[in-house]
Amino acid sequence: MAVTVKKAAVITGDVVNSSRLTSNERKKLLKCLSRFFEQANKLFPDFKAEQFRGDSIQAVLTNNRSKALQTALILQSYLISEDYNIRLAVGVGEINFTGTSIVTSDGSAFQMSGPLVDELKKRNELLGIAIANPIFNDEWQVHTTALNYLIERWTKQQAEAINLQLQNLKQEEIAGKLKISQPSVHQRLQAAGWPVINKVLQRFENVIPAL
């Protein structure tokens, strides 16, 4: 265990209606989460994640904390494409205590993220962002309202396209993976609200380094 202070983004997630999953559905979910952890670590080497209580996750990004929203949306779109849903709370702040595991660590990033998951459940929302700065928090409530509106309306096909777009694939590459035409990829991305999502991601990545 170590007491150090570093800036970080913490993502806390809670699978929606996990108690209703069958044994096979739960096994598939665990495989999906493991696959996502591997994928996210390849994209961002500082990504670390743990699963707890069977249906919850907590992940940390330090050097790539400005990519936390992108990472959260990659997970959200992936699970939607696999017939699951998850509430994700992104907390941006500091880690001032590193425990033997992620879930035993502490700091404002954890304190922003953890309680927000419960708030999302009360508000029946899927995504939230909390920053240790009241001015920015007001702004991000507006942005997450827009994101929630879009996410709740994604079809499986739209979520697949968004997931690959978030991994920085070109539309031609996405078309090859999904075995559809490039115009069809464009249509799915537009219907899923990609232009809005991209603008919000850019804003997040511009703001976070300055905090």
N, C-alpha and C. Protein backbone atom coordinates (compact mmCIF):
# COMPACT_ATOMS: atom_id res chain seq x y z
N MET A 1 0.84 -1.19 0.00
CA MET A 1 0.00 0.00 0.00
C MET A 1 0.88 1.25 0.00
N ALA A 2 0.42 2.29 -0.69
CA ALA A 2 1.22 3.50 -0.77
C ALA A 2 0.33 4.72 -0.69
N VAL A 3 0.87 5.78 -0.08
CA VAL A 3 0.16 7.04 -0.01
C VAL A 3 0.82 7.99 -0.99
N THR A 4 0.25 8.14 -2.15
CA THR A 4 0.73 9.06 -3.16
C THR A 4 -0.47 9.79 -3.74
N VAL A 5 -0.22 10.97 -4.26
CA VAL A 5 -1.31 11.75 -4.85
C VAL A 5 -1.06 11.86 -6.35
N LYS A 6 -2.01 11.42 -7.13
CA LYS A 6 -1.90 11.57 -8.58
C LYS A 6 -3.28 11.79 -9.17
N LYS A 7 -3.30 12.52 -10.25
CA LYS A 7 -4.56 12.79 -10.93
C LYS A 7 -5.04 11.53 -11.64
N ALA A 8 -6.34 11.34 -11.65
CA ALA A 8 -6.86 10.10 -12.24
C ALA A 8 -8.33 10.26 -12.60
N ALA A 9 -8.79 9.33 -13.41
CA ALA A 9 -10.21 9.18 -13.69
C ALA A 9 -10.61 7.77 -13.28
N VAL A 10 -11.70 7.67 -12.56
CA VAL A 10 -12.20 6.38 -12.10
C VAL A 10 -13.56 6.13 -12.73
N ILE A 11 -13.72 4.95 -13.28
CA ILE A 11 -15.00 4.54 -13.88
C ILE A 11 -15.59 3.44 -13.00
N THR A 12 -16.77 3.69 -12.47
CA THR A 12 -17.48 2.68 -11.68
C THR A 12 -18.72 2.25 -12.45
N GLY A 13 -18.91 0.95 -12.57
CA GLY A 13 -20.02 0.46 -13.36
C GLY A 13 -20.86 -0.57 -12.62
N ASP A 14 -22.14 -0.58 -12.95
CA ASP A 14 -23.07 -1.52 -12.33
C ASP A 14 -24.00 -2.04 -13.42
N VAL A 15 -23.95 -3.34 -13.70
CA VAL A 15 -24.77 -3.93 -14.76
C VAL A 15 -26.24 -3.82 -14.40
N VAL A 16 -27.04 -3.37 -15.34
CA VAL A 16 -28.48 -3.16 -15.12
C VAL A 16 -29.21 -4.51 -15.09
N ASN A 17 -30.06 -4.68 -14.08
CA ASN A 17 -30.89 -5.88 -13.94
C ASN A 17 -30.08 -7.17 -13.94
N SER A 18 -28.91 -7.14 -13.32
CA SER A 18 -28.05 -8.32 -13.33
C SER A 18 -28.66 -9.49 -12.56
N SER A 19 -29.52 -9.20 -11.58
CA SER A 19 -30.13 -10.27 -10.79
C SER A 19 -31.08 -11.12 -11.62
N ARG A 20 -31.50 -10.61 -12.76
CA ARG A 20 -32.43 -11.35 -13.62
C ARG A 20 -31.71 -12.21 -14.65
N LEU A 21 -30.39 -12.13 -14.71
CA LEU A 21 -29.65 -12.88 -15.71
C LEU A 21 -29.66 -14.37 -15.38
N THR A 22 -29.77 -15.19 -16.42
CA THR A 22 -29.65 -16.63 -16.25
C THR A 22 -28.18 -16.99 -16.04
N SER A 23 -27.93 -18.22 -15.69
CA SER A 23 -26.56 -18.67 -15.48
C SER A 23 -25.72 -18.50 -16.75
N ASN A 24 -26.29 -18.86 -17.88
CA ASN A 24 -25.57 -18.73 -19.16
C ASN A 24 -25.34 -17.27 -19.53
N GLU A 25 -26.34 -16.44 -19.28
CA GLU A 25 -26.19 -15.00 -19.56
C GLU A 25 -25.11 -14.38 -18.69
N ARG A 26 -25.03 -14.83 -17.44
CA ARG A 26 -24.00 -14.31 -16.53
C ARG A 26 -22.61 -14.74 -16.98
N LYS A 27 -22.49 -15.99 -17.42
CA LYS A 27 -21.19 -16.47 -17.92
C LYS A 27 -20.75 -15.66 -19.13
N LYS A 28 -21.70 -15.40 -20.02
CA LYS A 28 -21.39 -14.61 -21.21
C LYS A 28 -20.97 -13.20 -20.82
N LEU A 29 -21.65 -12.61 -19.83
CA LEU A 29 -21.31 -11.27 -19.35
C LEU A 29 -19.88 -11.22 -18.83
N LEU A 30 -19.50 -12.22 -18.05
CA LEU A 30 -18.14 -12.24 -17.49
C LEU A 30 -17.10 -12.30 -18.60
N LYS A 31 -17.39 -13.07 -19.65
CA LYS A 31 -16.48 -13.15 -20.79
C LYS A 31 -16.40 -11.80 -21.51
N CYS A 32 -17.54 -11.14 -21.64
CA CYS A 32 -17.57 -9.83 -22.29
C CYS A 32 -16.74 -8.81 -21.51
N LEU A 33 -16.87 -8.82 -20.20
CA LEU A 33 -16.11 -7.87 -19.38
C LEU A 33 -14.62 -8.16 -19.46
N SER A 34 -14.25 -9.43 -19.42
CA SER A 34 -12.83 -9.80 -19.53
C SER A 34 -12.27 -9.36 -20.87
N ARG A 35 -13.06 -9.56 -21.92
CA ARG A 35 -12.63 -9.16 -23.26
C ARG A 35 -12.45 -7.64 -23.34
N PHE A 36 -13.37 -6.92 -22.72
CA PHE A 36 -13.26 -5.45 -22.70
C PHE A 36 -12.02 -4.99 -21.94
N PHE A 37 -11.74 -5.61 -20.78
CA PHE A 37 -10.56 -5.23 -20.00
C PHE A 37 -9.29 -5.38 -20.84
N GLU A 38 -9.19 -6.47 -21.57
CA GLU A 38 -8.02 -6.71 -22.42
C GLU A 38 -7.94 -5.67 -23.54
N GLN A 39 -9.08 -5.40 -24.14
CA GLN A 39 -9.14 -4.45 -25.24
C GLN A 39 -8.76 -3.05 -24.77
N ALA A 40 -9.31 -2.63 -23.63
CA ALA A 40 -9.05 -1.29 -23.11
C ALA A 40 -7.58 -1.12 -22.72
N ASN A 41 -6.98 -2.19 -22.20
CA ASN A 41 -5.56 -2.12 -21.82
C ASN A 41 -4.65 -2.01 -23.03
N LYS A 42 -5.08 -2.58 -24.15
CA LYS A 42 -4.30 -2.44 -25.39
C LYS A 42 -4.38 -1.01 -25.92
N LEU A 43 -5.58 -0.41 -25.80
CA LEU A 43 -5.75 0.96 -26.24
C LEU A 43 -5.04 1.95 -25.33
N PHE A 44 -5.15 1.72 -24.02
CA PHE A 44 -4.59 2.63 -23.02
C PHE A 44 -3.84 1.79 -21.98
N PRO A 45 -2.51 1.67 -22.09
CA PRO A 45 -1.73 0.78 -21.22
C PRO A 45 -1.86 1.05 -19.72
N ASP A 46 -2.27 2.27 -19.34
CA ASP A 46 -2.42 2.56 -17.90
C ASP A 46 -3.80 2.15 -17.37
N PHE A 47 -4.64 1.61 -18.23
CA PHE A 47 -5.97 1.17 -17.82
C PHE A 47 -5.86 -0.05 -16.90
N LYS A 48 -6.48 0.07 -15.73
CA LYS A 48 -6.54 -1.05 -14.79
C LYS A 48 -7.98 -1.20 -14.32
N ALA A 49 -8.45 -2.43 -14.23
CA ALA A 49 -9.84 -2.65 -13.85
C ALA A 49 -10.00 -3.89 -13.01
N GLU A 50 -11.05 -3.88 -12.21
CA GLU A 50 -11.41 -5.03 -11.38
C GLU A 50 -12.91 -5.22 -11.41
N GLN A 51 -13.31 -6.45 -11.28
CA GLN A 51 -14.72 -6.79 -11.19
C GLN A 51 -15.01 -7.18 -9.74
N PHE A 52 -16.15 -6.74 -9.23
CA PHE A 52 -16.52 -7.11 -7.87
C PHE A 52 -18.02 -7.32 -7.78
N ARG A 53 -18.45 -8.08 -6.81
CA ARG A 53 -19.85 -8.44 -6.61
C ARG A 53 -20.46 -9.11 -7.84
N GLY A 54 -19.65 -9.56 -8.76
CA GLY A 54 -20.16 -10.28 -9.92
C GLY A 54 -20.73 -9.41 -11.01
N ASP A 55 -21.34 -8.26 -10.65
CA ASP A 55 -22.01 -7.44 -11.65
C ASP A 55 -21.52 -5.99 -11.67
N SER A 56 -20.42 -5.72 -10.98
CA SER A 56 -19.91 -4.35 -10.89
C SER A 56 -18.44 -4.31 -11.29
N ILE A 57 -18.01 -3.16 -11.79
CA ILE A 57 -16.61 -2.99 -12.14
C ILE A 57 -16.10 -1.65 -11.62
N GLN A 58 -14.81 -1.56 -11.46
CA GLN A 58 -14.17 -0.28 -11.19
C GLN A 58 -12.86 -0.24 -11.95
N ALA A 59 -12.65 0.84 -12.67
CA ALA A 59 -11.46 0.98 -13.51
C ALA A 59 -10.80 2.33 -13.26
N VAL A 60 -9.49 2.37 -13.50
CA VAL A 60 -8.71 3.59 -13.27
C VAL A 60 -7.86 3.90 -14.49
N LEU A 61 -7.82 5.18 -14.83
CA LEU A 61 -6.92 5.70 -15.85
C LEU A 61 -6.17 6.87 -15.25
N THR A 62 -4.87 6.89 -15.43
CA THR A 62 -4.06 7.99 -14.87
C THR A 62 -3.46 8.82 -16.01
N ASN A 63 -2.49 8.28 -16.70
CA ASN A 63 -1.86 9.01 -17.82
C ASN A 63 -2.86 9.34 -18.92
N ASN A 64 -3.82 8.46 -19.12
CA ASN A 64 -4.84 8.65 -20.16
C ASN A 64 -6.20 9.00 -19.57
N ARG A 65 -6.20 9.77 -18.49
CA ARG A 65 -7.48 10.07 -17.84
C ARG A 65 -8.42 10.87 -18.74
N SER A 66 -7.86 11.61 -19.71
CA SER A 66 -8.71 12.35 -20.64
C SER A 66 -9.46 11.42 -21.59
N LYS A 67 -9.09 10.13 -21.59
CA LYS A 67 -9.76 9.13 -22.43
C LYS A 67 -10.81 8.35 -21.65
N ALA A 68 -11.11 8.78 -20.43
CA ALA A 68 -12.04 8.02 -19.58
C ALA A 68 -13.44 7.95 -20.17
N LEU A 69 -13.91 9.06 -20.73
CA LEU A 69 -15.26 9.05 -21.32
C LEU A 69 -15.30 8.15 -22.54
N GLN A 70 -14.28 8.21 -23.37
CA GLN A 70 -14.19 7.33 -24.53
C GLN A 70 -14.20 5.87 -24.08
N THR A 71 -13.43 5.57 -23.05
CA THR A 71 -13.37 4.19 -22.53
C THR A 71 -14.74 3.73 -22.03
N ALA A 72 -15.42 4.60 -21.30
CA ALA A 72 -16.74 4.26 -20.78
C ALA A 72 -17.73 3.99 -21.92
N LEU A 73 -17.66 4.80 -22.96
CA LEU A 73 -18.58 4.62 -24.09
C LEU A 73 -18.25 3.36 -24.89
N ILE A 74 -16.97 3.01 -24.94
CA ILE A 74 -16.59 1.75 -25.60
C ILE A 74 -17.24 0.58 -24.87
N LEU A 75 -17.17 0.59 -23.54
CA LEU A 75 -17.79 -0.49 -22.76
C LEU A 75 -19.30 -0.48 -22.92
N GLN A 76 -19.89 0.71 -22.83
CA GLN A 76 -21.35 0.80 -22.90
C GLN A 76 -21.86 0.29 -24.26
N SER A 77 -21.24 0.74 -25.33
CA SER A 77 -21.68 0.32 -26.66
C SER A 77 -21.45 -1.18 -26.88
N TYR A 78 -20.35 -1.68 -26.36
CA TYR A 78 -20.04 -3.11 -26.50
C TYR A 78 -21.10 -3.97 -25.81
N LEU A 79 -21.43 -3.62 -24.57
CA LEU A 79 -22.41 -4.42 -23.84
C LEU A 79 -23.80 -4.31 -24.45
N ILE A 80 -24.17 -3.14 -24.95
CA ILE A 80 -25.46 -3.00 -25.61
C ILE A 80 -25.52 -3.90 -26.85
N SER A 81 -24.41 -3.97 -27.57
CA SER A 81 -24.38 -4.82 -28.76
C SER A 81 -24.46 -6.30 -28.41
N GLU A 82 -24.18 -6.62 -27.12
CA GLU A 82 -24.25 -8.01 -26.65
C GLU A 82 -25.50 -8.26 -25.80
N ASP A 83 -26.46 -7.33 -25.85
CA ASP A 83 -27.75 -7.47 -25.15
C ASP A 83 -27.67 -7.24 -23.64
N TYR A 84 -26.67 -6.49 -23.19
CA TYR A 84 -26.58 -6.11 -21.78
C TYR A 84 -26.63 -4.59 -21.70
N ASN A 85 -26.77 -4.12 -20.47
CA ASN A 85 -26.69 -2.67 -20.26
C ASN A 85 -25.99 -2.42 -18.93
N ILE A 86 -25.34 -1.26 -18.84
CA ILE A 86 -24.55 -0.97 -17.65
C ILE A 86 -24.62 0.52 -17.32
N ARG A 87 -24.71 0.83 -16.05
CA ARG A 87 -24.61 2.22 -15.60
C ARG A 87 -23.14 2.53 -15.34
N LEU A 88 -22.66 3.64 -15.87
CA LEU A 88 -21.26 3.99 -15.71
C LEU A 88 -21.12 5.41 -15.17
N ALA A 89 -20.34 5.53 -14.12
CA ALA A 89 -20.08 6.83 -13.51
C ALA A 89 -18.59 7.13 -13.63
N VAL A 90 -18.27 8.23 -14.29
CA VAL A 90 -16.88 8.65 -14.48
C VAL A 90 -16.57 9.75 -13.46
N GLY A 91 -15.60 9.49 -12.61
CA GLY A 91 -15.18 10.49 -11.63
C GLY A 91 -13.78 10.97 -11.94
N VAL A 92 -13.60 12.28 -11.99
CA VAL A 92 -12.29 12.86 -12.29
C VAL A 92 -11.79 13.64 -11.09
N GLY A 93 -10.62 13.26 -10.60
CA GLY A 93 -10.05 13.93 -9.44
C GLY A 93 -8.67 13.40 -9.15
N GLU A 94 -8.46 12.97 -7.91
CA GLU A 94 -7.15 12.46 -7.50
C GLU A 94 -7.27 11.12 -6.81
N ILE A 95 -6.18 10.39 -6.82
CA ILE A 95 -6.02 9.19 -5.99
C ILE A 95 -4.95 9.54 -4.96
N ASN A 96 -5.31 9.50 -3.69
CA ASN A 96 -4.31 9.82 -2.66
C ASN A 96 -4.00 8.63 -1.76
N PHE A 97 -4.63 7.50 -2.08
CA PHE A 97 -4.31 6.28 -1.34
C PHE A 97 -4.45 5.10 -2.30
N THR A 98 -3.36 4.39 -2.52
CA THR A 98 -3.38 3.22 -3.39
C THR A 98 -3.35 1.96 -2.53
N GLY A 99 -4.48 1.24 -2.53
CA GLY A 99 -4.58 0.03 -1.72
C GLY A 99 -4.05 -1.18 -2.46
N THR A 100 -4.30 -2.33 -1.90
CA THR A 100 -3.84 -3.58 -2.52
C THR A 100 -4.67 -3.93 -3.75
N SER A 101 -5.81 -3.25 -3.92
CA SER A 101 -6.65 -3.44 -5.10
C SER A 101 -7.27 -2.09 -5.44
N ILE A 102 -7.88 -2.02 -6.60
CA ILE A 102 -8.53 -0.77 -7.00
C ILE A 102 -9.65 -0.40 -6.04
N VAL A 103 -10.46 -1.39 -5.67
CA VAL A 103 -11.63 -1.10 -4.85
C VAL A 103 -11.28 -0.71 -3.41
N THR A 104 -10.03 -0.92 -2.99
CA THR A 104 -9.62 -0.49 -1.65
C THR A 104 -8.81 0.80 -1.70
N SER A 105 -8.64 1.37 -2.88
CA SER A 105 -7.95 2.65 -3.01
C SER A 105 -8.93 3.78 -2.76
N ASP A 106 -8.40 5.02 -2.61
CA ASP A 106 -9.28 6.13 -2.26
C ASP A 106 -8.73 7.44 -2.81
N GLY A 107 -9.59 8.44 -2.80
CA GLY A 107 -9.25 9.76 -3.27
C GLY A 107 -10.48 10.39 -3.90
N SER A 108 -10.38 11.65 -4.29
CA SER A 108 -11.55 12.36 -4.80
C SER A 108 -12.10 11.73 -6.08
N ALA A 109 -11.25 11.11 -6.90
CA ALA A 109 -11.75 10.46 -8.12
C ALA A 109 -12.70 9.32 -7.77
N PHE A 110 -12.35 8.53 -6.74
CA PHE A 110 -13.22 7.45 -6.28
C PHE A 110 -14.48 8.02 -5.63
N GLN A 111 -14.30 9.08 -4.85
CA GLN A 111 -15.43 9.69 -4.14
C GLN A 111 -16.41 10.36 -5.09
N MET A 112 -15.91 10.77 -6.26
CA MET A 112 -16.79 11.33 -7.29
C MET A 112 -17.54 10.21 -8.02
N SER A 113 -16.84 9.12 -8.31
CA SER A 113 -17.39 8.05 -9.15
C SER A 113 -18.36 7.12 -8.42
N GLY A 114 -17.94 6.58 -7.27
CA GLY A 114 -18.73 5.57 -6.57
C GLY A 114 -20.16 5.98 -6.26
N PRO A 115 -20.36 7.08 -5.51
CA PRO A 115 -21.72 7.50 -5.17
C PRO A 115 -22.57 7.88 -6.38
N LEU A 116 -21.90 8.30 -7.47
CA LEU A 116 -22.66 8.72 -8.65
C LEU A 116 -23.41 7.55 -9.27
N VAL A 117 -22.89 6.33 -9.14
CA VAL A 117 -23.60 5.16 -9.68
C VAL A 117 -24.98 5.04 -9.03
N ASP A 118 -25.03 5.23 -7.71
CA ASP A 118 -26.32 5.16 -7.01
C ASP A 118 -27.25 6.28 -7.46
N GLU A 119 -26.69 7.46 -7.73
CA GLU A 119 -27.50 8.57 -8.22
C GLU A 119 -28.07 8.27 -9.60
N LEU A 120 -27.25 7.65 -10.43
CA LEU A 120 -27.72 7.29 -11.78
C LEU A 120 -28.89 6.33 -11.71
N LYS A 121 -28.82 5.39 -10.77
CA LYS A 121 -29.91 4.42 -10.61
C LYS A 121 -31.20 5.13 -10.20
N LYS A 122 -31.08 6.09 -9.29
CA LYS A 122 -32.26 6.84 -8.85
C LYS A 122 -32.85 7.65 -9.99
N ARG A 123 -31.97 8.19 -10.84
CA ARG A 123 -32.43 9.04 -11.95
C ARG A 123 -32.74 8.22 -13.20
N ASN A 124 -32.51 6.89 -13.13
CA ASN A 124 -32.73 6.01 -14.27
C ASN A 124 -31.93 6.46 -15.48
N GLU A 125 -30.65 6.76 -15.25
CA GLU A 125 -29.73 7.16 -16.31
C GLU A 125 -28.60 6.14 -16.43
N LEU A 126 -27.94 6.15 -17.57
CA LEU A 126 -26.90 5.15 -17.83
C LEU A 126 -25.49 5.69 -17.73
N LEU A 127 -25.33 7.01 -17.80
CA LEU A 127 -23.98 7.58 -17.80
C LEU A 127 -23.96 8.88 -17.02
N GLY A 128 -22.90 9.05 -16.22
CA GLY A 128 -22.74 10.29 -15.48
C GLY A 128 -21.27 10.65 -15.36
N ILE A 129 -21.00 11.93 -15.24
CA ILE A 129 -19.63 12.42 -15.08
C ILE A 129 -19.61 13.38 -13.92
N ALA A 130 -18.67 13.17 -12.99
CA ALA A 130 -18.52 14.06 -11.85
C ALA A 130 -17.07 14.50 -11.76
N ILE A 131 -16.86 15.79 -11.69
CA ILE A 131 -15.53 16.37 -11.64
C ILE A 131 -15.38 17.18 -10.36
N ALA A 132 -14.22 17.10 -9.74
CA ALA A 132 -13.99 17.81 -8.47
C ALA A 132 -13.85 19.31 -8.71
N ASN A 133 -14.81 19.85 -9.42
CA ASN A 133 -14.82 21.27 -9.75
C ASN A 133 -16.27 21.65 -10.07
N PRO A 134 -16.95 22.40 -9.17
CA PRO A 134 -18.38 22.70 -9.34
C PRO A 134 -18.73 23.38 -10.66
N ILE A 135 -17.84 24.22 -11.16
CA ILE A 135 -18.13 24.94 -12.41
C ILE A 135 -18.27 23.96 -13.57
N PHE A 136 -17.32 23.03 -13.65
CA PHE A 136 -17.36 22.06 -14.73
C PHE A 136 -18.49 21.05 -14.54
N ASN A 137 -18.84 20.76 -13.29
CA ASN A 137 -19.91 19.82 -13.04
C ASN A 137 -21.23 20.28 -13.65
N ASP A 138 -21.52 21.59 -13.54
CA ASP A 138 -22.75 22.13 -14.13
C ASP A 138 -22.77 21.89 -15.64
N GLU A 139 -21.62 22.12 -16.28
CA GLU A 139 -21.53 21.91 -17.73
C GLU A 139 -21.74 20.44 -18.07
N TRP A 140 -21.13 19.53 -17.30
CA TRP A 140 -21.18 18.12 -17.67
C TRP A 140 -22.52 17.48 -17.39
N GLN A 141 -23.33 18.08 -16.56
CA GLN A 141 -24.70 17.60 -16.40
C GLN A 141 -25.48 17.79 -17.69
N VAL A 142 -25.19 18.90 -18.37
CA VAL A 142 -25.84 19.16 -19.67
C VAL A 142 -25.36 18.14 -20.71
N HIS A 143 -24.05 17.95 -20.78
CA HIS A 143 -23.49 17.01 -21.77
C HIS A 143 -23.99 15.58 -21.55
N THR A 144 -24.02 15.15 -20.30
CA THR A 144 -24.46 13.77 -20.05
C THR A 144 -25.95 13.58 -20.30
N THR A 145 -26.72 14.65 -20.16
CA THR A 145 -28.14 14.56 -20.51
C THR A 145 -28.28 14.22 -21.99
N ALA A 146 -27.47 14.88 -22.82
CA ALA A 146 -27.50 14.60 -24.27
C ALA A 146 -27.02 13.18 -24.56
N LEU A 147 -25.94 12.76 -23.88
CA LEU A 147 -25.41 11.42 -24.12
C LEU A 147 -26.41 10.34 -23.69
N ASN A 148 -27.04 10.54 -22.54
CA ASN A 148 -28.02 9.56 -22.07
C ASN A 148 -29.19 9.44 -23.05
N TYR A 149 -29.63 10.56 -23.59
CA TYR A 149 -30.73 10.54 -24.55
C TYR A 149 -30.38 9.66 -25.74
N LEU A 150 -29.13 9.77 -26.21
CA LEU A 150 -28.69 8.99 -27.37
C LEU A 150 -28.49 7.51 -27.01
N ILE A 151 -27.78 7.26 -25.93
CA ILE A 151 -27.44 5.88 -25.54
C ILE A 151 -28.70 5.04 -25.33
N GLU A 152 -29.69 5.62 -24.70
CA GLU A 152 -30.92 4.88 -24.41
C GLU A 152 -31.67 4.47 -25.68
N ARG A 153 -31.33 5.09 -26.80
CA ARG A 153 -32.02 4.81 -28.06
C ARG A 153 -31.19 4.00 -29.04
N TRP A 154 -29.96 3.64 -28.66
CA TRP A 154 -29.13 2.85 -29.56
C TRP A 154 -29.75 1.48 -29.81
N THR A 155 -29.75 1.06 -31.06
CA THR A 155 -30.05 -0.33 -31.39
C THR A 155 -28.75 -1.12 -31.27
N LYS A 156 -28.86 -2.44 -31.30
CA LYS A 156 -27.65 -3.28 -31.27
C LYS A 156 -26.73 -2.94 -32.43
N GLN A 157 -27.32 -2.75 -33.60
CA GLN A 157 -26.52 -2.47 -34.80
C GLN A 157 -25.82 -1.11 -34.70
N GLN A 158 -26.52 -0.13 -34.18
CA GLN A 158 -25.91 1.19 -33.99
C GLN A 158 -24.80 1.13 -32.95
N ALA A 159 -25.03 0.38 -31.88
CA ALA A 159 -24.01 0.24 -30.83
C ALA A 159 -22.75 -0.43 -31.37
N GLU A 160 -22.91 -1.41 -32.24
CA GLU A 160 -21.75 -2.06 -32.86
C GLU A 160 -20.91 -1.05 -33.64
N ALA A 161 -21.59 -0.23 -34.44
CA ALA A 161 -20.89 0.76 -35.25
C ALA A 161 -20.20 1.81 -34.37
N ILE A 162 -20.90 2.27 -33.34
CA ILE A 162 -20.32 3.26 -32.42
C ILE A 162 -19.11 2.67 -31.71
N ASN A 163 -19.21 1.42 -31.30
CA ASN A 163 -18.11 0.77 -30.58
C ASN A 163 -16.84 0.76 -31.42
N LEU A 164 -16.96 0.41 -32.68
CA LEU A 164 -15.79 0.36 -33.56
C LEU A 164 -15.29 1.76 -33.90
N GLN A 165 -16.20 2.71 -34.05
CA GLN A 165 -15.80 4.09 -34.30
C GLN A 165 -15.01 4.64 -33.12
N LEU A 166 -15.44 4.30 -31.91
CA LEU A 166 -14.74 4.75 -30.70
C LEU A 166 -13.34 4.16 -30.58
N GLN A 167 -13.11 3.05 -31.28
CA GLN A 167 -11.77 2.45 -31.31
C GLN A 167 -10.93 3.01 -32.45
N ASN A 168 -11.42 4.11 -33.03
CA ASN A 168 -10.68 4.86 -34.05
C ASN A 168 -10.54 4.14 -35.38
N LEU A 169 -11.48 3.25 -35.68
CA LEU A 169 -11.48 2.60 -36.98
C LEU A 169 -12.12 3.52 -38.02
N LYS A 170 -11.66 3.43 -39.25
CA LYS A 170 -12.27 4.18 -40.34
C LYS A 170 -13.56 3.48 -40.75
N GLN A 171 -14.44 4.24 -41.39
CA GLN A 171 -15.73 3.68 -41.77
C GLN A 171 -15.58 2.49 -42.71
N GLU A 172 -14.58 2.52 -43.57
CA GLU A 172 -14.34 1.39 -44.46
C GLU A 172 -13.95 0.13 -43.67
N GLU A 173 -13.17 0.34 -42.61
CA GLU A 173 -12.76 -0.79 -41.76
C GLU A 173 -13.95 -1.33 -40.98
N ILE A 174 -14.78 -0.43 -40.50
CA ILE A 174 -15.99 -0.84 -39.77
C ILE A 174 -16.90 -1.64 -40.70
N ALA A 175 -17.03 -1.17 -41.92
CA ALA A 175 -17.86 -1.87 -42.90
C ALA A 175 -17.37 -3.29 -43.12
N GLY A 176 -16.05 -3.46 -43.21
CA GLY A 176 -15.49 -4.79 -43.39
C GLY A 176 -15.77 -5.70 -42.21
N LYS A 177 -15.65 -5.18 -41.01
CA LYS A 177 -15.89 -6.00 -39.81
C LYS A 177 -17.36 -6.37 -39.67
N LEU A 178 -18.24 -5.43 -40.01
CA LEU A 178 -19.67 -5.70 -39.85
C LEU A 178 -20.30 -6.31 -41.09
N LYS A 179 -19.49 -6.41 -42.17
CA LYS A 179 -19.97 -6.99 -43.42
C LYS A 179 -21.17 -6.23 -43.99
N ILE A 180 -21.05 -4.92 -43.95
CA ILE A 180 -22.06 -4.04 -44.54
C ILE A 180 -21.33 -2.99 -45.38
N SER A 181 -22.06 -2.17 -46.11
CA SER A 181 -21.44 -1.15 -46.95
C SER A 181 -21.02 0.06 -46.11
N GLN A 182 -20.09 0.84 -46.65
CA GLN A 182 -19.65 2.06 -45.94
C GLN A 182 -20.81 3.05 -45.77
N PRO A 183 -21.67 3.25 -46.78
CA PRO A 183 -22.83 4.13 -46.56
C PRO A 183 -23.74 3.65 -45.42
N SER A 184 -23.85 2.33 -45.26
CA SER A 184 -24.67 1.79 -44.17
C SER A 184 -24.03 2.09 -42.82
N VAL A 185 -22.69 2.02 -42.76
CA VAL A 185 -21.98 2.39 -41.53
C VAL A 185 -22.26 3.85 -41.21
N HIS A 186 -22.12 4.71 -42.21
CA HIS A 186 -22.37 6.14 -42.02
C HIS A 186 -23.79 6.39 -41.50
N GLN A 187 -24.74 5.67 -42.09
CA GLN A 187 -26.14 5.83 -41.69
C GLN A 187 -26.34 5.42 -40.23
N ARG A 188 -25.73 4.31 -39.83
CA ARG A 188 -25.86 3.85 -38.44
C ARG A 188 -25.24 4.85 -37.46
N LEU A 189 -24.08 5.37 -37.81
CA LEU A 189 -23.39 6.32 -36.94
C LEU A 189 -24.19 7.61 -36.79
N GLN A 190 -24.76 8.08 -37.90
CA GLN A 190 -25.57 9.29 -37.84
C GLN A 190 -26.81 9.07 -36.98
N ALA A 191 -27.46 7.92 -37.17
CA ALA A 191 -28.67 7.62 -36.40
C ALA A 191 -28.37 7.47 -34.92
N ALA A 192 -27.14 7.02 -34.60
CA ALA A 192 -26.74 6.83 -33.20
C ALA A 192 -26.28 8.13 -32.54
N GLY A 193 -26.17 9.21 -33.37
CA GLY A 193 -25.77 10.49 -32.80
C GLY A 193 -24.28 10.72 -32.71
N TRP A 194 -23.50 10.05 -33.58
CA TRP A 194 -22.05 10.16 -33.50
C TRP A 194 -21.53 11.61 -33.57
N PRO A 195 -22.08 12.49 -34.42
CA PRO A 195 -21.57 13.87 -34.44
C PRO A 195 -21.65 14.55 -33.08
N VAL A 196 -22.73 14.32 -32.35
CA VAL A 196 -22.88 14.90 -31.00
C VAL A 196 -21.91 14.24 -30.03
N ILE A 197 -21.84 12.91 -30.07
CA ILE A 197 -20.94 12.17 -29.19
C ILE A 197 -19.50 12.61 -29.40
N ASN A 198 -19.10 12.78 -30.63
CA ASN A 198 -17.73 13.18 -30.95
C ASN A 198 -17.41 14.56 -30.39
N LYS A 199 -18.35 15.48 -30.50
CA LYS A 199 -18.15 16.83 -29.96
C LYS A 199 -17.97 16.80 -28.44
N VAL A 200 -18.79 15.99 -27.76
CA VAL A 200 -18.69 15.88 -26.30
C VAL A 200 -17.35 15.24 -25.91
N LEU A 201 -16.93 14.22 -26.65
CA LEU A 201 -15.64 13.59 -26.38
C LEU A 201 -14.49 14.59 -26.54
N GLN A 202 -14.55 15.39 -27.58
CA GLN A 202 -13.51 16.40 -27.81
C GLN A 202 -13.47 17.40 -26.67
N ARG A 203 -14.63 17.81 -26.21
CA ARG A 203 -14.70 18.75 -25.08
C ARG A 203 -14.10 18.13 -23.83
N PHE A 204 -14.44 16.88 -23.55
CA PHE A 204 -13.90 16.18 -22.38
C PHE A 204 -12.37 16.10 -22.46
N GLU A 205 -11.86 15.74 -23.62
CA GLU A 205 -10.41 15.57 -23.76
C GLU A 205 -9.67 16.91 -23.69
N ASN A 206 -10.34 18.00 -24.04
CA ASN A 206 -9.71 19.32 -23.95
C ASN A 206 -9.73 19.86 -22.52
N VAL A 207 -10.79 19.54 -21.78
CA VAL A 207 -10.96 20.10 -20.43
C VAL A 207 -10.14 19.35 -19.39
N ILE A 208 -10.14 18.03 -19.44
CA ILE A 208 -9.57 17.22 -18.37
C ILE A 208 -8.10 17.50 -18.09
N PRO A 209 -7.24 17.64 -19.08
CA PRO A 209 -5.82 17.90 -18.77
C PRO A 209 -5.58 19.15 -17.95
N ALA A 210 -6.50 20.12 -18.04
CA ALA A 210 -6.32 21.38 -17.31
C ALA A 210 -6.78 21.29 -15.87
N LEU A 211 -7.42 20.22 -15.49
CA LEU A 211 -7.95 20.08 -14.11
C LEU A 211 -6.94 19.40 -13.20
